[in-house]
Amino acid sequence: MLPPLTVLFVDDDPYIRKILCAYLQQCGFEVLCAADGRDAIDAARQFEGDIDILVSDVNMPSMDGTQLAVELTRIRPRIKVLLISAYADTTAAIHPDWQFLPKPFPPAALYERIRAICDADPPPELARAPVDLLRHRMREARAEYVRYSQEYDLLLAVSGDVALAAPDRKIALRQAAKIRKSTLHGYADAVRQFSEFLRGPQPGL
């Protein structure tokens, strides 16, 4: 089994930091939380394992997110960078290899962006073993489907009689059902790709 991705999350807002760090941990990531740039650099120096991605707010006191990213990529050249900010004009200063996610966003959007960034460049050991990569994607797709199914079931449970539910609850349920259906299709597609690979020629396996 592959080790969980490690995320270094940095935001000077304690409420955002608490909510999003807890959410990412529930998603199965190993999460290092930091309140500012200096705190993040200290955490990166002290952590002995690999850190897959930095997720940092841009506007922070003493050291902003772009300065932190520059410093951190010197220490850990392979780390991915995802900057977050409520100010869209900050994108002008972002390095072409970095990603940007505007605030506000739902926690699920952060999860999906992290997965997209990290899965786009799999670890070398997976690149040498396509069957492991496909198996990994299938497991991730299943976990995503299960997570959104649980979210839908929870919304359904708290809504009671759907016909009598408030309009905002009905909208939330429709959105959750749509996402659950989409993730089910994603899981089915991952299973299909894995099955087709196993049926085909497999030199070196």
Protein backbone atom coordinates (compact mmCIF):
# COMPACT_ATOMS: atom_id res chain seq x y z
CA MET A 1 0.00 0.00 0.00
CA LEU A 2 1.26 3.47 -0.86
CA PRO A 3 2.04 5.86 2.01
CA PRO A 4 -0.39 8.78 2.41
CA LEU A 5 0.43 12.08 0.77
CA THR A 6 1.92 14.65 3.12
CA VAL A 7 0.52 18.17 2.95
CA LEU A 8 2.08 21.23 4.56
CA PHE A 9 -0.85 23.60 5.10
CA VAL A 10 -0.13 27.22 6.02
CA ASP A 11 -2.66 29.92 6.88
CA ASP A 12 -2.55 32.67 9.52
CA ASP A 13 -6.31 32.42 10.06
CA PRO A 14 -6.73 29.93 12.95
CA TYR A 15 -10.33 29.03 12.01
CA ILE A 16 -9.48 28.22 8.38
CA ARG A 17 -6.37 26.36 9.49
CA LYS A 18 -8.29 24.21 11.98
CA ILE A 19 -11.15 23.36 9.62
CA LEU A 20 -9.09 22.56 6.53
CA CYS A 21 -6.32 20.67 8.35
CA ALA A 22 -8.93 18.48 10.05
CA TYR A 23 -10.70 17.90 6.74
CA LEU A 24 -7.48 16.91 4.92
CA GLN A 25 -6.62 14.50 7.73
CA GLN A 26 -10.06 12.92 7.38
CA CYS A 27 -9.32 12.51 3.67
CA GLY A 28 -6.32 10.34 4.56
CA PHE A 29 -3.49 12.85 4.15
CA GLU A 30 -0.71 13.33 6.63
CA VAL A 31 -1.00 17.04 7.45
CA LEU A 32 1.55 19.46 8.85
CA CYS A 33 -0.14 22.69 9.96
CA ALA A 34 1.65 26.02 10.26
CA ALA A 35 0.46 29.50 11.23
CA ASP A 36 2.96 31.47 9.13
CA GLY A 37 5.95 31.17 6.82
CA ARG A 38 8.62 30.82 9.50
CA ASP A 39 6.57 28.19 11.30
CA ALA A 40 6.21 26.31 8.00
CA ILE A 41 9.94 26.36 7.26
CA ASP A 42 10.68 25.05 10.76
CA ALA A 43 8.13 22.27 10.27
CA ALA A 44 9.65 21.35 6.89
CA ARG A 45 13.18 21.23 8.34
CA GLN A 46 12.11 19.06 11.27
CA PHE A 47 9.96 16.63 9.28
CA GLU A 48 12.06 13.66 8.20
CA GLY A 49 9.78 12.26 5.50
CA ASP A 50 8.79 13.60 2.09
CA ILE A 51 6.40 16.54 1.87
CA ASP A 52 4.39 16.19 -1.32
CA ILE A 53 2.72 19.57 -1.51
CA LEU A 54 2.69 23.01 0.11
CA VAL A 55 -0.73 24.63 0.41
CA SER A 56 -0.28 28.21 1.57
CA ASP A 57 -2.25 31.40 1.86
CA VAL A 58 -0.60 34.22 -0.07
CA ASN A 59 -1.30 37.18 2.20
CA MET A 60 0.41 36.55 5.54
CA PRO A 61 2.45 38.80 7.85
CA SER A 62 6.29 38.78 7.84
CA MET A 63 6.59 36.23 5.02
CA ASP A 64 3.91 35.90 2.35
CA GLY A 65 3.01 32.67 0.57
CA THR A 66 5.09 33.33 -2.54
CA GLN A 67 8.20 34.05 -0.46
CA LEU A 68 7.55 30.90 1.54
CA ALA A 69 7.19 28.84 -1.63
CA VAL A 70 10.48 30.15 -3.02
CA GLU A 71 12.30 29.36 0.24
CA LEU A 72 10.69 25.96 0.66
CA THR A 73 11.43 24.80 -2.90
CA ARG A 74 15.12 25.50 -2.19
CA ILE A 75 14.97 23.19 0.82
CA ARG A 76 12.77 20.58 -0.85
CA PRO A 77 13.06 20.88 -4.65
CA ARG A 78 10.45 18.18 -5.40
CA ILE A 79 7.64 19.77 -3.39
CA LYS A 80 4.53 20.88 -5.28
CA VAL A 81 3.03 24.31 -4.57
CA LEU A 82 -0.62 25.33 -4.35
CA LEU A 83 -1.25 28.94 -3.29
CA ILE A 84 -4.64 30.11 -2.03
CA SER A 85 -5.92 33.66 -1.71
CA ALA A 86 -9.06 35.77 -1.75
CA TYR A 87 -7.26 38.29 -3.98
CA ALA A 88 -7.29 37.22 -7.62
CA ASP A 89 -4.62 39.75 -8.61
CA THR A 90 -2.00 37.72 -6.68
CA THR A 91 -1.91 35.24 -9.55
CA ALA A 92 0.36 37.60 -11.48
CA ALA A 93 3.25 36.84 -9.14
CA ILE A 94 2.87 33.06 -9.22
CA HIS A 95 5.60 30.86 -10.65
CA PRO A 96 4.51 28.94 -13.80
CA ASP A 97 5.04 25.59 -12.03
CA TRP A 98 2.80 26.56 -9.12
CA GLN A 99 -0.96 26.28 -8.90
CA PHE A 100 -3.53 28.74 -7.54
CA LEU A 101 -6.95 28.24 -5.93
CA PRO A 102 -9.05 31.35 -5.19
CA LYS A 103 -10.83 31.70 -1.87
CA PRO A 104 -13.47 30.99 -0.80
CA PHE A 105 -13.76 27.33 -1.77
CA PRO A 106 -15.44 24.24 -0.29
CA PRO A 107 -13.06 21.78 1.41
CA ALA A 108 -13.80 19.17 -1.27
CA ALA A 109 -12.44 21.53 -3.94
CA LEU A 110 -9.14 21.73 -2.06
CA TYR A 111 -8.97 17.94 -1.82
CA GLU A 112 -9.65 17.53 -5.53
CA ARG A 113 -7.03 20.12 -6.50
CA ILE A 114 -4.38 18.48 -4.29
CA ARG A 115 -5.14 15.06 -5.77
CA ALA A 116 -5.03 16.43 -9.32
CA ILE A 117 -1.66 18.11 -8.74
CA CYS A 118 -0.04 15.13 -7.02
CA ASP A 119 -1.52 12.44 -9.28
CA ALA A 120 -0.32 14.29 -12.39
CA ASP A 121 3.26 13.47 -11.39
CA PRO A 122 3.25 10.05 -9.69
CA PRO A 123 6.23 8.84 -7.65
CA PRO A 124 9.04 7.20 -9.70
CA GLU A 125 8.23 3.74 -8.33
CA LEU A 126 4.68 4.04 -9.70
CA ALA A 127 5.89 5.34 -13.05
CA ARG A 128 7.92 2.11 -13.40
CA ALA A 129 4.93 -0.09 -12.47
CA PRO A 130 1.74 0.73 -14.42
CA VAL A 131 -0.26 -1.97 -12.61
CA ASP A 132 0.49 -0.30 -9.26
CA LEU A 133 -0.52 3.10 -10.61
CA LEU A 134 -3.82 1.75 -11.96
CA ARG A 135 -4.52 -0.11 -8.73
CA HIS A 136 -3.75 3.05 -6.77
CA ARG A 137 -6.12 5.11 -8.93
CA MET A 138 -8.85 2.50 -8.55
CA ARG A 139 -8.53 2.57 -4.76
CA GLU A 140 -8.53 6.37 -4.69
CA ALA A 141 -11.61 6.50 -6.93
CA ARG A 142 -13.42 4.05 -4.67
CA ALA A 143 -12.48 6.05 -1.56
CA GLU A 144 -13.76 9.24 -3.21
CA TYR A 145 -17.06 7.57 -4.11
CA VAL A 146 -17.48 6.26 -0.56
CA ARG A 147 -16.72 9.69 0.90
CA TYR A 148 -19.29 11.51 -1.25
CA SER A 149 -21.86 8.76 -0.67
CA GLN A 150 -21.47 9.25 3.08
CA GLU A 151 -21.85 13.01 2.63
CA TYR A 152 -25.06 12.46 0.64
CA ASP A 153 -26.43 10.03 3.24
CA LEU A 154 -25.70 12.54 6.00
CA LEU A 155 -27.50 15.33 4.15
CA LEU A 156 -30.42 13.00 3.52
CA ALA A 157 -30.59 12.03 7.19
CA VAL A 158 -30.66 15.61 8.48
CA SER A 159 -33.16 16.73 5.83
CA GLY A 160 -35.91 14.33 6.85
CA ASP A 161 -38.76 14.33 4.35
CA VAL A 162 -37.13 15.62 1.16
CA ALA A 163 -40.45 16.92 -0.16
CA LEU A 164 -40.76 19.18 2.90
CA ALA A 165 -37.10 20.18 3.08
CA ALA A 166 -36.05 23.82 2.81
CA PRO A 167 -35.04 24.99 -0.71
CA ASP A 168 -31.34 25.28 0.21
CA ARG A 169 -31.37 21.69 1.56
CA LYS A 170 -32.95 20.46 -1.68
CA ILE A 171 -30.25 22.23 -3.71
CA ALA A 172 -27.52 20.74 -1.52
CA LEU A 173 -29.03 17.27 -1.91
CA ARG A 174 -29.21 17.59 -5.69
CA GLN A 175 -25.59 18.75 -5.83
CA ALA A 176 -24.45 15.93 -3.53
CA ALA A 177 -26.35 13.36 -5.60
CA LYS A 178 -24.78 14.69 -8.80
CA ILE A 179 -21.27 14.51 -7.33
CA ARG A 180 -21.91 11.01 -5.95
CA LYS A 181 -23.03 9.86 -9.40
CA SER A 182 -19.94 11.46 -10.99
CA THR A 183 -17.58 9.75 -8.54
CA LEU A 184 -19.32 6.42 -9.13
CA HIS A 185 -18.65 6.81 -12.86
CA GLY A 186 -15.03 7.69 -12.04
CA TYR A 187 -14.67 4.55 -9.93
CA ALA A 188 -16.25 2.39 -12.64
CA ASP A 189 -13.87 3.87 -15.22
CA ALA A 190 -10.86 3.17 -12.99
CA VAL A 191 -11.99 -0.45 -12.54
CA ARG A 192 -12.43 -0.79 -16.31
CA GLN A 193 -8.92 0.54 -17.02
CA PHE A 194 -7.41 -1.80 -14.42
CA SER A 195 -9.29 -4.80 -15.85
CA GLU A 196 -8.26 -3.97 -19.42
CA PHE A 197 -4.64 -3.69 -18.37
CA LEU A 198 -4.73 -7.10 -16.67
CA ARG A 199 -6.27 -8.69 -19.78
CA GLY A 200 -3.63 -7.21 -22.08
CA PRO A 201 0.05 -8.13 -22.53
CA GLN A 202 2.08 -7.39 -19.40
CA PRO A 203 5.79 -7.61 -20.20
CA GLY A 204 8.00 -7.66 -17.16
CA LEU A 205 5.23 -8.39 -14.65
